[in-house]
């Protein structure tokens, strides 16, 4: 069996919609935004063996998850074509939500956050054992050694978390209504390596934090760019209309609204913004030092400790590499 090595976390079938007439797109890496890549979809948004899993008899399974993802991705071209034609896709909403969910749970932004939480759990355990004098004394002059330890996590662990994140998104969808918003302005929608995003719109833009919403009360907005001329919007305000009529179509009101959507897309981008042209570099550059990352706050409670994890807009930290050997 042919072993699949190049595992795309943003699938080619999605990236194809953001290509220019030459079949290429611009990839603005947040680590080097002044030098965008101008590439074909096959040459970007992948990692080697990113969804490989160990097997009990030794070795690793490189194909099972990729094959599963491909099954979901195969329905996307027809779904997006129908959306562009403003057709009703109420008979295919399952395909839409499967694809959208996959584009949140499979990406490095989600998986790195999970691995960050697991790494902090290891650090908390070490600090707790040290506080209880259950570890050997630290060397003189190295009292802060435990806080400097780098913990690497087996990436297979964040694959397991994908199912839990998917279930959480199901709860999110249950409070939202959805609309397909078509863009006839001269400003195209952007996308990213983390294209599914949501936030609390009742909070001012500069105070919002990624994915931090209250599903039981308040407002929630979700954004998923489908192509340069189409974005899927989920909103609590749409819930009643959506319950009656399903997904409806509407139009972007103006370029300012499109730019507001693109600003959210740029700051939710994890490592890269994806663009069909180089026309919005100023906006892209303004968010190059910002990504959605996990923030851990540890609180000591007597002889124990508690750690609160929450997503914030901050700077990505280098992740310690896991040695598979």
C-alpha atoms as a PDB file:
ATOM      1  CA  UNK A   1       0.000   0.000   0.000  1.00  0.00           C
ATOM      2  CA  UNK A   2       1.257   3.460  -0.910  1.00  0.00           C
ATOM      3  CA  UNK A   3       2.274   5.239   2.288  1.00  0.00           C
ATOM      4  CA  UNK A   4       1.088   8.839   2.537  1.00  0.00           C
ATOM      5  CA  UNK A   5       3.756  11.140   3.927  1.00  0.00           C
ATOM      6  CA  UNK A   6       2.534  14.644   3.085  1.00  0.00           C
ATOM      7  CA  UNK A   7      -0.457  15.229   5.371  1.00  0.00           C
ATOM      8  CA  UNK A   8      -2.298  18.468   4.559  1.00  0.00           C
ATOM      9  CA  UNK A   9      -3.954  20.112   7.570  1.00  0.00           C
ATOM     10  CA  UNK A  10      -5.617  22.562   5.168  1.00  0.00           C
ATOM     11  CA  UNK A  11      -6.756  20.371   2.263  1.00  0.00           C
ATOM     12  CA  UNK A  12      -5.968  21.142  -1.337  1.00  0.00           C
ATOM     13  CA  UNK A  13      -9.643  20.988  -2.252  1.00  0.00           C
ATOM     14  CA  UNK A  14     -10.220  23.953   0.090  1.00  0.00           C
ATOM     15  CA  UNK A  15      -7.135  25.896  -1.001  1.00  0.00           C
ATOM     16  CA  UNK A  16      -8.103  25.569  -4.672  1.00  0.00           C
ATOM     17  CA  UNK A  17     -10.867  28.135  -4.161  1.00  0.00           C
ATOM     18  CA  UNK A  18      -8.330  30.779  -3.104  1.00  0.00           C
ATOM     19  CA  UNK A  19      -6.070  30.380  -6.134  1.00  0.00           C
ATOM     20  CA  UNK A  20      -5.546  33.074  -8.745  1.00  0.00           C
ATOM     21  CA  UNK A  21      -6.017  32.341 -12.486  1.00  0.00           C
ATOM     22  CA  UNK A  22      -2.525  30.782 -12.546  1.00  0.00           C
ATOM     23  CA  UNK A  23      -3.564  28.187  -9.961  1.00  0.00           C
ATOM     24  CA  UNK A  24      -1.404  29.686  -7.205  1.00  0.00           C
ATOM     25  CA  UNK A  25      -2.044  31.508  -3.950  1.00  0.00           C
ATOM     26  CA  UNK A  26      -0.112  33.756  -1.586  1.00  0.00           C
ATOM     27  CA  UNK A  27       0.916  32.367   1.805  1.00  0.00           C
ATOM     28  CA  UNK A  28       1.982  35.031   4.315  1.00  0.00           C
ATOM     29  CA  UNK A  29       3.901  33.259   7.075  1.00  0.00           C
ATOM     30  CA  UNK A  30       3.704  35.106  10.373  1.00  0.00           C
ATOM     31  CA  UNK A  31       7.373  34.355  11.014  1.00  0.00           C
ATOM     32  CA  UNK A  32       8.353  35.968   7.698  1.00  0.00           C
ATOM     33  CA  UNK A  33       5.443  38.045   6.379  1.00  0.00           C
ATOM     34  CA  UNK A  34       7.602  40.259   4.149  1.00  0.00           C
ATOM     35  CA  UNK A  35       8.402  37.248   1.953  1.00  0.00           C
ATOM     36  CA  UNK A  36       5.106  35.608   0.998  1.00  0.00           C
ATOM     37  CA  UNK A  37       5.193  32.279  -0.756  1.00  0.00           C
ATOM     38  CA  UNK A  38       3.491  32.172  -4.149  1.00  0.00           C
ATOM     39  CA  UNK A  39       2.713  28.504  -4.526  1.00  0.00           C
ATOM     40  CA  UNK A  40       0.288  25.865  -5.718  1.00  0.00           C
ATOM     41  CA  UNK A  41      -1.982  24.269  -3.095  1.00  0.00           C
ATOM     42  CA  UNK A  42      -0.043  21.009  -3.127  1.00  0.00           C
ATOM     43  CA  UNK A  43       3.092  22.810  -1.912  1.00  0.00           C
ATOM     44  CA  UNK A  44       1.722  24.352   1.281  1.00  0.00           C
ATOM     45  CA  UNK A  45      -0.232  23.690   4.491  1.00  0.00           C
ATOM     46  CA  UNK A  46       1.082  20.213   5.223  1.00  0.00           C
ATOM     47  CA  UNK A  47       3.422  18.419   7.607  1.00  0.00           C
ATOM     48  CA  UNK A  48       5.138  15.114   7.208  1.00  0.00           C
ATOM     49  CA  UNK A  49       3.227  12.239   8.829  1.00  0.00           C
ATOM     50  CA  UNK A  50       1.103  14.738  10.777  1.00  0.00           C
ATOM     51  CA  UNK A  51      -1.769  12.280  11.297  1.00  0.00           C
ATOM     52  CA  UNK A  52       0.254   9.079  11.601  1.00  0.00           C
ATOM     53  CA  UNK A  53      -0.595   6.799  14.511  1.00  0.00           C
ATOM     54  CA  UNK A  54       1.460   4.083  16.229  1.00  0.00           C
ATOM     55  CA  UNK A  55       0.200   0.533  15.779  1.00  0.00           C
ATOM     56  CA  UNK A  56       0.438  -2.186  18.464  1.00  0.00           C
ATOM     57  CA  UNK A  57       2.675  -4.508  16.460  1.00  0.00           C
ATOM     58  CA  UNK A  58       5.188  -1.730  15.829  1.00  0.00           C
ATOM     59  CA  UNK A  59       5.576   0.937  13.178  1.00  0.00           C
ATOM     60  CA  UNK A  60       2.912   3.485  12.359  1.00  0.00           C
ATOM     61  CA  UNK A  61      -0.274   3.834  10.353  1.00  0.00           C
ATOM     62  CA  UNK A  62       0.195   6.694   7.910  1.00  0.00           C
ATOM     63  CA  UNK A  63      -3.014   6.349   5.918  1.00  0.00           C
ATOM     64  CA  UNK A  64      -6.145   5.691   7.994  1.00  0.00           C
ATOM     65  CA  UNK A  65      -6.855   9.253   9.134  1.00  0.00           C
ATOM     66  CA  UNK A  66      -5.788  10.726   5.806  1.00  0.00           C
ATOM     67  CA  UNK A  67      -8.192   8.377   4.022  1.00  0.00           C
ATOM     68  CA  UNK A  68     -10.997   9.336   6.424  1.00  0.00           C
ATOM     69  CA  UNK A  69     -10.354  13.029   5.891  1.00  0.00           C
ATOM     70  CA  UNK A  70     -10.298  12.518   2.118  1.00  0.00           C
ATOM     71  CA  UNK A  71     -13.777  10.997   2.261  1.00  0.00           C
ATOM     72  CA  UNK A  72     -15.110  14.169   3.902  1.00  0.00           C
ATOM     73  CA  UNK A  73     -13.102  16.445   1.604  1.00  0.00           C
ATOM     74  CA  UNK A  74     -14.382  14.724  -1.545  1.00  0.00           C
ATOM     75  CA  UNK A  75     -17.847  16.255  -0.996  1.00  0.00           C
ATOM     76  CA  UNK A  76     -16.531  19.810  -0.685  1.00  0.00           C
ATOM     77  CA  UNK A  77     -16.292  20.820  -4.389  1.00  0.00           C
ATOM     78  CA  UNK A  78     -19.980  20.053  -4.960  1.00  0.00           C
ATOM     79  CA  UNK A  79     -20.997  21.800  -1.718  1.00  0.00           C
ATOM     80  CA  UNK A  80     -19.073  24.963  -2.528  1.00  0.00           C
ATOM     81  CA  UNK A  81     -20.343  25.022  -6.126  1.00  0.00           C
ATOM     82  CA  UNK A  82     -23.929  24.916  -4.885  1.00  0.00           C
ATOM     83  CA  UNK A  83     -23.204  27.674  -2.381  1.00  0.00           C
ATOM     84  CA  UNK A  84     -21.705  29.872  -5.093  1.00  0.00           C
ATOM     85  CA  UNK A  85     -24.864  29.341  -7.184  1.00  0.00           C
ATOM     86  CA  UNK A  86     -26.948  30.434  -4.172  1.00  0.00           C
ATOM     87  CA  UNK A  87     -28.742  27.121  -4.107  1.00  0.00           C
ATOM     88  CA  UNK A  88     -30.319  25.660  -1.010  1.00  0.00           C
ATOM     89  CA  UNK A  89     -27.958  23.157   0.596  1.00  0.00           C
ATOM     90  CA  UNK A  90     -30.276  22.235   3.443  1.00  0.00           C
ATOM     91  CA  UNK A  91     -30.112  18.655   2.183  1.00  0.00           C
ATOM     92  CA  UNK A  92     -26.306  18.689   2.533  1.00  0.00           C
ATOM     93  CA  UNK A  93     -25.730  20.595   5.772  1.00  0.00           C
ATOM     94  CA  UNK A  94     -24.116  17.522   7.320  1.00  0.00           C
ATOM     95  CA  UNK A  95     -21.387  17.677   4.659  1.00  0.00           C
ATOM     96  CA  UNK A  96     -20.849  21.359   5.371  1.00  0.00           C
ATOM     97  CA  UNK A  97     -20.559  20.947   9.135  1.00  0.00           C
ATOM     98  CA  UNK A  98     -18.325  17.871   8.854  1.00  0.00           C
ATOM     99  CA  UNK A  99     -15.902  19.770   6.648  1.00  0.00           C
ATOM    100  CA  UNK A 100     -15.974  22.897   8.805  1.00  0.00           C
ATOM    101  CA  UNK A 101     -15.468  20.909  12.009  1.00  0.00           C
ATOM    102  CA  UNK A 102     -12.527  19.099  10.477  1.00  0.00           C
ATOM    103  CA  UNK A 103     -10.951  22.438   9.604  1.00  0.00           C
ATOM    104  CA  UNK A 104     -10.968  23.421  13.248  1.00  0.00           C
ATOM    105  CA  UNK A 105      -9.905  20.207  14.979  1.00  0.00           C
ATOM    106  CA  UNK A 106      -7.124  19.043  12.626  1.00  0.00           C
ATOM    107  CA  UNK A 107      -5.020  22.211  12.377  1.00  0.00           C
ATOM    108  CA  UNK A 108      -1.835  23.039  14.318  1.00  0.00           C
ATOM    109  CA  UNK A 109      -3.610  25.874  16.158  1.00  0.00           C
ATOM    110  CA  UNK A 110      -5.880  23.347  17.852  1.00  0.00           C
ATOM    111  CA  UNK A 111      -3.400  20.513  18.262  1.00  0.00           C
ATOM    112  CA  UNK A 112      -0.609  22.721  19.624  1.00  0.00           C
ATOM    113  CA  UNK A 113      -3.004  24.133  22.232  1.00  0.00           C
ATOM    114  CA  UNK A 114      -3.817  20.605  23.395  1.00  0.00           C
ATOM    115  CA  UNK A 115      -0.129  19.696  23.601  1.00  0.00           C
ATOM    116  CA  UNK A 116       0.539  22.923  25.520  1.00  0.00           C
ATOM    117  CA  UNK A 117      -2.079  21.946  28.110  1.00  0.00           C
ATOM    118  CA  UNK A 118      -0.584  18.462  28.458  1.00  0.00           C
ATOM    119  CA  UNK A 119       2.939  19.867  28.801  1.00  0.00           C
ATOM    120  CA  UNK A 120       1.772  22.226  31.540  1.00  0.00           C
ATOM    121  CA  UNK A 121       0.185  19.292  33.358  1.00  0.00           C
ATOM    122  CA  UNK A 122       3.584  17.586  33.451  1.00  0.00           C
ATOM    123  CA  UNK A 123       5.209  20.744  34.793  1.00  0.00           C
ATOM    124  CA  UNK A 124       2.502  21.143  37.432  1.00  0.00           C
ATOM    125  CA  UNK A 125       3.055  17.565  38.569  1.00  0.00           C
ATOM    126  CA  UNK A 126       6.797  18.129  38.913  1.00  0.00           C
ATOM    127  CA  UNK A 127       6.259  21.330  40.885  1.00  0.00           C
ATOM    128  CA  UNK A 128       3.745  19.634  43.163  1.00  0.00           C
ATOM    129  CA  UNK A 129       6.112  16.742  43.860  1.00  0.00           C
ATOM    130  CA  UNK A 130       8.879  19.234  44.569  1.00  0.00           C
ATOM    131  CA  UNK A 131       6.639  21.186  46.968  1.00  0.00           C
ATOM    132  CA  UNK A 132       5.952  17.942  48.824  1.00  0.00           C
ATOM    133  CA  UNK A 133       9.716  17.152  48.948  1.00  0.00           C
ATOM    134  CA  UNK A 134       9.127  14.013  46.909  1.00  0.00           C
ATOM    135  CA  UNK A 135      11.866  14.891  44.405  1.00  0.00           C
ATOM    136  CA  UNK A 136      15.649  15.036  44.996  1.00  0.00           C
ATOM    137  CA  UNK A 137      16.826  18.501  46.107  1.00  0.00           C
ATOM    138  CA  UNK A 138      17.555  20.917  43.271  1.00  0.00           C
ATOM    139  CA  UNK A 139      21.220  21.860  42.706  1.00  0.00           C
ATOM    140  CA  UNK A 140      22.381  24.984  44.511  1.00  0.00           C
ATOM    141  CA  UNK A 141      21.781  28.011  42.312  1.00  0.00           C
ATOM    142  CA  UNK A 142      19.182  26.190  40.183  1.00  0.00           C
ATOM    143  CA  UNK A 143      16.112  26.832  42.312  1.00  0.00           C
ATOM    144  CA  UNK A 144      14.120  27.816  39.191  1.00  0.00           C
ATOM    145  CA  UNK A 145      15.121  24.701  37.281  1.00  0.00           C
ATOM    146  CA  UNK A 146      11.637  23.141  37.203  1.00  0.00           C
ATOM    147  CA  UNK A 147      10.174  26.256  35.577  1.00  0.00           C
ATOM    148  CA  UNK A 148      12.829  26.115  32.860  1.00  0.00           C
ATOM    149  CA  UNK A 149      12.222  22.509  31.875  1.00  0.00           C
ATOM    150  CA  UNK A 150      11.018  22.012  28.305  1.00  0.00           C
ATOM    151  CA  UNK A 151       8.371  19.291  28.014  1.00  0.00           C
ATOM    152  CA  UNK A 152       7.653  17.669  24.653  1.00  0.00           C
ATOM    153  CA  UNK A 153       4.383  15.819  24.097  1.00  0.00           C
ATOM    154  CA  UNK A 154       3.776  12.876  21.806  1.00  0.00           C
ATOM    155  CA  UNK A 155       1.713  14.434  18.963  1.00  0.00           C
ATOM    156  CA  UNK A 156      -0.397  11.292  18.911  1.00  0.00           C
ATOM    157  CA  UNK A 157      -1.988  12.638  22.113  1.00  0.00           C
ATOM    158  CA  UNK A 158      -3.429  15.681  20.335  1.00  0.00           C
ATOM    159  CA  UNK A 159      -4.913  13.412  17.654  1.00  0.00           C
ATOM    160  CA  UNK A 160      -6.969  11.773  20.417  1.00  0.00           C
ATOM    161  CA  UNK A 161      -8.235  15.213  21.487  1.00  0.00           C
ATOM    162  CA  UNK A 162      -9.747  15.898  18.071  1.00  0.00           C
ATOM    163  CA  UNK A 163     -12.859  13.890  18.975  1.00  0.00           C
ATOM    164  CA  UNK A 164     -13.452  15.936  22.141  1.00  0.00           C
ATOM    165  CA  UNK A 165     -13.046  19.221  20.260  1.00  0.00           C
ATOM    166  CA  UNK A 166     -15.525  17.991  17.644  1.00  0.00           C
ATOM    167  CA  UNK A 167     -18.131  17.282  20.302  1.00  0.00           C
ATOM    168  CA  UNK A 168     -17.642  20.777  21.700  1.00  0.00           C
ATOM    169  CA  UNK A 169     -18.256  22.245  18.263  1.00  0.00           C
ATOM    170  CA  UNK A 170     -21.523  20.334  18.088  1.00  0.00           C
ATOM    171  CA  UNK A 171     -22.655  22.223  21.183  1.00  0.00           C
ATOM    172  CA  UNK A 172     -21.572  25.470  19.536  1.00  0.00           C
ATOM    173  CA  UNK A 173     -23.541  24.779  16.360  1.00  0.00           C
ATOM    174  CA  UNK A 174     -26.671  24.093  18.409  1.00  0.00           C
ATOM    175  CA  UNK A 175     -26.958  27.758  19.487  1.00  0.00           C
ATOM    176  CA  UNK A 176     -26.124  29.350  16.135  1.00  0.00           C
ATOM    177  CA  UNK A 177     -27.943  30.116  12.924  1.00  0.00           C
ATOM    178  CA  UNK A 178     -25.994  30.195   9.666  1.00  0.00           C
ATOM    179  CA  UNK A 179     -25.956  32.297   6.500  1.00  0.00           C
ATOM    180  CA  UNK A 180     -23.836  32.269   3.351  1.00  0.00           C
ATOM    181  CA  UNK A 181     -22.616  35.826   2.691  1.00  0.00           C
ATOM    182  CA  UNK A 182     -21.606  36.600  -0.892  1.00  0.00           C
ATOM    183  CA  UNK A 183     -18.962  39.197  -1.618  1.00  0.00           C
ATOM    184  CA  UNK A 184     -19.308  41.321  -4.749  1.00  0.00           C
ATOM    185  CA  UNK A 185     -16.907  44.057  -3.568  1.00  0.00           C
ATOM    186  CA  UNK A 186     -13.391  44.595  -4.877  1.00  0.00           C
ATOM    187  CA  UNK A 187     -11.889  43.303  -1.616  1.00  0.00           C
ATOM    188  CA  UNK A 188     -11.643  39.478  -1.517  1.00  0.00           C
ATOM    189  CA  UNK A 189     -12.039  37.411   1.621  1.00  0.00           C
ATOM    190  CA  UNK A 190      -8.806  36.011   3.037  1.00  0.00           C
ATOM    191  CA  UNK A 191      -8.278  32.647   4.722  1.00  0.00           C
ATOM    192  CA  UNK A 192      -5.652  31.032   6.921  1.00  0.00           C
ATOM    193  CA  UNK A 193      -4.200  27.846   8.360  1.00  0.00           C
ATOM    194  CA  UNK A 194      -6.850  28.167  11.096  1.00  0.00           C
ATOM    195  CA  UNK A 195      -9.936  29.166   9.107  1.00  0.00           C
ATOM    196  CA  UNK A 196     -12.739  28.372  11.576  1.00  0.00           C
ATOM    197  CA  UNK A 197     -13.040  31.025  14.260  1.00  0.00           C
ATOM    198  CA  UNK A 198     -15.545  32.298  16.785  1.00  0.00           C
ATOM    199  CA  UNK A 199     -15.711  35.041  19.395  1.00  0.00           C
ATOM    200  CA  UNK A 200     -18.039  37.208  21.490  1.00  0.00           C
ATOM    201  CA  UNK A 201     -19.040  40.209  19.333  1.00  0.00           C
ATOM    202  CA  UNK A 202     -20.481  42.109  22.307  1.00  0.00           C
ATOM    203  CA  UNK A 203     -16.896  42.713  23.478  1.00  0.00           C
ATOM    204  CA  UNK A 204     -14.865  45.459  21.723  1.00  0.00           C
ATOM    205  CA  UNK A 205     -12.490  44.162  19.047  1.00  0.00           C
ATOM    206  CA  UNK A 206      -9.308  44.886  21.000  1.00  0.00           C
ATOM    207  CA  UNK A 207     -10.693  43.148  24.110  1.00  0.00           C
ATOM    208  CA  UNK A 208     -11.970  39.974  22.398  1.00  0.00           C
ATOM    209  CA  UNK A 209     -10.204  36.674  23.004  1.00  0.00           C
ATOM    210  CA  UNK A 210     -10.232  33.641  20.683  1.00  0.00           C
ATOM    211  CA  UNK A 211     -12.926  31.002  21.186  1.00  0.00           C
ATOM    212  CA  UNK A 212     -13.961  32.430  24.557  1.00  0.00           C
ATOM    213  CA  UNK A 213     -17.751  32.538  24.518  1.00  0.00           C
ATOM    214  CA  UNK A 214     -20.661  31.712  26.782  1.00  0.00           C
ATOM    215  CA  UNK A 215     -23.007  29.337  24.967  1.00  0.00           C
ATOM    216  CA  UNK A 216     -25.751  29.698  27.576  1.00  0.00           C
ATOM    217  CA  UNK A 217     -26.147  33.448  27.225  1.00  0.00           C
ATOM    218  CA  UNK A 218     -24.731  36.368  25.291  1.00  0.00           C
ATOM    219  CA  UNK A 219     -23.704  36.614  21.664  1.00  0.00           C
ATOM    220  CA  UNK A 220     -21.495  34.357  19.561  1.00  0.00           C
ATOM    221  CA  UNK A 221     -20.227  34.903  16.019  1.00  0.00           C
ATOM    222  CA  UNK A 222     -18.501  32.239  13.907  1.00  0.00           C
ATOM    223  CA  UNK A 223     -16.621  32.907  10.666  1.00  0.00           C
ATOM    224  CA  UNK A 224     -15.539  30.379   8.048  1.00  0.00           C
ATOM    225  CA  UNK A 225     -14.198  31.777   4.746  1.00  0.00           C
ATOM    226  CA  UNK A 226     -15.286  29.536   1.886  1.00  0.00           C
ATOM    227  CA  UNK A 227     -13.693  31.432  -1.004  1.00  0.00           C
ATOM    228  CA  UNK A 228     -12.650  35.015  -1.867  1.00  0.00           C
ATOM    229  CA  UNK A 229     -16.303  35.728  -2.723  1.00  0.00           C
ATOM    230  CA  UNK A 230     -18.098  33.751  -0.025  1.00  0.00           C
ATOM    231  CA  UNK A 231     -17.979  33.425   3.766  1.00  0.00           C
ATOM    232  CA  UNK A 232     -20.104  31.341   6.102  1.00  0.00           C
ATOM    233  CA  UNK A 233     -21.329  33.287   9.135  1.00  0.00           C
ATOM    234  CA  UNK A 234     -22.805  31.668  12.229  1.00  0.00           C
ATOM    235  CA  UNK A 235     -24.512  33.897  14.783  1.00  0.00           C
ATOM    236  CA  UNK A 236     -26.774  33.518  17.765  1.00  0.00           C
ATOM    237  CA  UNK A 237     -28.940  36.279  16.270  1.00  0.00           C
ATOM    238  CA  UNK A 238     -29.641  34.068  13.235  1.00  0.00           C
ATOM    239  CA  UNK A 239     -30.803  31.064  15.288  1.00  0.00           C
ATOM    240  CA  UNK A 240     -34.564  31.577  14.967  1.00  0.00           C
ATOM    241  CA  UNK A 241     -34.511  32.277  11.232  1.00  0.00           C
ATOM    242  CA  UNK A 242     -32.177  29.340  10.645  1.00  0.00           C
ATOM    243  CA  UNK A 243     -34.468  27.031  12.609  1.00  0.00           C
ATOM    244  CA  UNK A 244     -37.347  27.984  10.289  1.00  0.00           C
ATOM    245  CA  UNK A 245     -35.629  28.194   6.905  1.00  0.00           C
ATOM    246  CA  UNK A 246     -32.209  26.558   7.168  1.00  0.00           C
ATOM    247  CA  UNK A 247     -29.147  28.218   5.640  1.00  0.00           C
ATOM    248  CA  UNK A 248     -30.019  31.335   3.642  1.00  0.00           C
ATOM    249  CA  UNK A 249     -27.977  33.540   1.300  1.00  0.00           C
ATOM    250  CA  UNK A 250     -27.265  37.249   1.631  1.00  0.00           C
ATOM    251  CA  UNK A 251     -24.714  39.822   0.451  1.00  0.00           C
ATOM    252  CA  UNK A 252     -21.805  41.601   2.107  1.00  0.00           C
ATOM    253  CA  UNK A 253     -22.937  45.205   2.668  1.00  0.00           C
ATOM    254  CA  UNK A 254     -19.675  46.946   1.731  1.00  0.00           C
ATOM    255  CA  UNK A 255     -15.865  46.749   1.701  1.00  0.00           C
ATOM    256  CA  UNK A 256     -15.589  47.925   5.298  1.00  0.00           C
ATOM    257  CA  UNK A 257     -17.578  44.879   6.409  1.00  0.00           C
ATOM    258  CA  UNK A 258     -15.328  42.598   4.335  1.00  0.00           C
ATOM    259  CA  UNK A 259     -12.243  44.204   5.904  1.00  0.00           C
ATOM    260  CA  UNK A 260     -13.699  43.616   9.384  1.00  0.00           C
ATOM    261  CA  UNK A 261     -14.118  39.926   8.553  1.00  0.00           C
ATOM    262  CA  UNK A 262     -10.589  39.775   7.146  1.00  0.00           C
ATOM    263  CA  UNK A 263      -9.162  41.387  10.289  1.00  0.00           C
ATOM    264  CA  UNK A 264     -10.628  38.562  12.358  1.00  0.00           C
ATOM    265  CA  UNK A 265      -9.279  35.980   9.891  1.00  0.00           C
ATOM    266  CA  UNK A 266      -5.786  37.500  10.072  1.00  0.00           C
ATOM    267  CA  UNK A 267      -5.524  37.517  13.845  1.00  0.00           C
ATOM    268  CA  UNK A 268      -6.995  34.021  14.203  1.00  0.00           C
ATOM    269  CA  UNK A 269      -4.420  32.770  11.684  1.00  0.00           C
ATOM    270  CA  UNK A 270      -1.883  30.642  13.519  1.00  0.00           C
ATOM    271  CA  UNK A 271       1.199  30.427  11.321  1.00  0.00           C
ATOM    272  CA  UNK A 272      -0.013  31.779   7.991  1.00  0.00           C
ATOM    273  CA  UNK A 273      -2.590  33.920   6.205  1.00  0.00           C
ATOM    274  CA  UNK A 274      -3.749  32.683   2.807  1.00  0.00           C
ATOM    275  CA  UNK A 275      -4.664  35.196   0.103  1.00  0.00           C
ATOM    276  CA  UNK A 276      -5.705  35.055  -3.561  1.00  0.00           C
ATOM    277  CA  UNK A 277      -3.688  38.214  -4.275  1.00  0.00           C
ATOM    278  CA  UNK A 278      -1.224  40.628  -2.686  1.00  0.00           C
ATOM    279  CA  UNK A 279      -3.799  43.391  -2.352  1.00  0.00           C
ATOM    280  CA  UNK A 280      -4.204  43.384   1.452  1.00  0.00           C
ATOM    281  CA  UNK A 281      -0.662  43.199   2.766  1.00  0.00           C
ATOM    282  CA  UNK A 282      -1.041  46.138   5.160  1.00  0.00           C
ATOM    283  CA  UNK A 283      -3.889  44.403   6.979  1.00  0.00           C
ATOM    284  CA  UNK A 284      -2.046  41.072   7.039  1.00  0.00           C
ATOM    285  CA  UNK A 285       1.120  42.691   8.402  1.00  0.00           C
ATOM    286  CA  UNK A 286      -0.753  44.329  11.279  1.00  0.00           C
ATOM    287  CA  UNK A 287      -1.440  40.915  12.846  1.00  0.00           C
ATOM    288  CA  UNK A 288       1.834  39.071  12.225  1.00  0.00           C
ATOM    289  CA  UNK A 289       2.783  38.978  15.921  1.00  0.00           C
ATOM    290  CA  UNK A 290      -0.635  37.730  17.034  1.00  0.00           C
ATOM    291  CA  UNK A 291      -2.000  34.188  17.030  1.00  0.00           C
ATOM    292  CA  UNK A 292      -4.507  32.256  19.152  1.00  0.00           C
ATOM    293  CA  UNK A 293      -2.436  30.470  21.808  1.00  0.00           C
ATOM    294  CA  UNK A 294      -3.060  28.707  25.100  1.00  0.00           C
ATOM    295  CA  UNK A 295      -2.261  30.645  28.269  1.00  0.00           C
ATOM    296  CA  UNK A 296      -1.789  28.759  31.530  1.00  0.00           C
ATOM    297  CA  UNK A 297      -2.187  30.434  34.917  1.00  0.00           C
ATOM    298  CA  UNK A 298      -1.193  28.328  37.945  1.00  0.00           C
ATOM    299  CA  UNK A 299      -2.624  29.095  41.371  1.00  0.00           C
ATOM    300  CA  UNK A 300      -1.265  27.503  44.554  1.00  0.00           C
ATOM    301  CA  UNK A 301      -3.921  26.258  46.965  1.00  0.00           C
ATOM    302  CA  UNK A 302      -2.251  25.107  50.173  1.00  0.00           C
ATOM    303  CA  UNK A 303      -0.160  22.034  49.340  1.00  0.00           C
ATOM    304  CA  UNK A 304      -1.838  21.663  45.988  1.00  0.00           C
ATOM    305  CA  UNK A 305      -2.206  23.811  42.882  1.00  0.00           C
ATOM    306  CA  UNK A 306      -4.745  24.528  40.160  1.00  0.00           C
ATOM    307  CA  UNK A 307      -4.040  25.623  36.607  1.00  0.00           C
ATOM    308  CA  UNK A 308      -6.503  27.611  34.499  1.00  0.00           C
ATOM    309  CA  UNK A 309      -6.107  27.307  30.719  1.00  0.00           C
ATOM    310  CA  UNK A 310      -7.616  29.821  28.336  1.00  0.00           C
ATOM    311  CA  UNK A 311      -7.071  30.904  24.754  1.00  0.00           C
ATOM    312  CA  UNK A 312      -5.626  34.379  24.199  1.00  0.00           C
ATOM    313  CA  UNK A 313      -4.222  36.397  21.327  1.00  0.00           C
ATOM    314  CA  UNK A 314      -0.474  36.266  21.855  1.00  0.00           C
ATOM    315  CA  UNK A 315       2.830  35.220  20.353  1.00  0.00           C
ATOM    316  CA  UNK A 316       3.420  31.606  19.395  1.00  0.00           C
ATOM    317  CA  UNK A 317       6.154  29.881  21.390  1.00  0.00           C
ATOM    318  CA  UNK A 318       8.501  27.326  19.864  1.00  0.00           C
ATOM    319  CA  UNK A 319       7.179  23.847  20.629  1.00  0.00           C
ATOM    320  CA  UNK A 320       9.760  21.320  21.928  1.00  0.00           C
ATOM    321  CA  UNK A 321      10.169  18.646  19.290  1.00  0.00           C
ATOM    322  CA  UNK A 322       9.009  15.131  20.096  1.00  0.00           C
ATOM    323  CA  UNK A 323      11.543  12.400  19.374  1.00  0.00           C
ATOM    324  CA  UNK A 324       9.664   9.420  17.980  1.00  0.00           C
ATOM    325  CA  UNK A 325      12.626   7.104  18.567  1.00  0.00           C
END
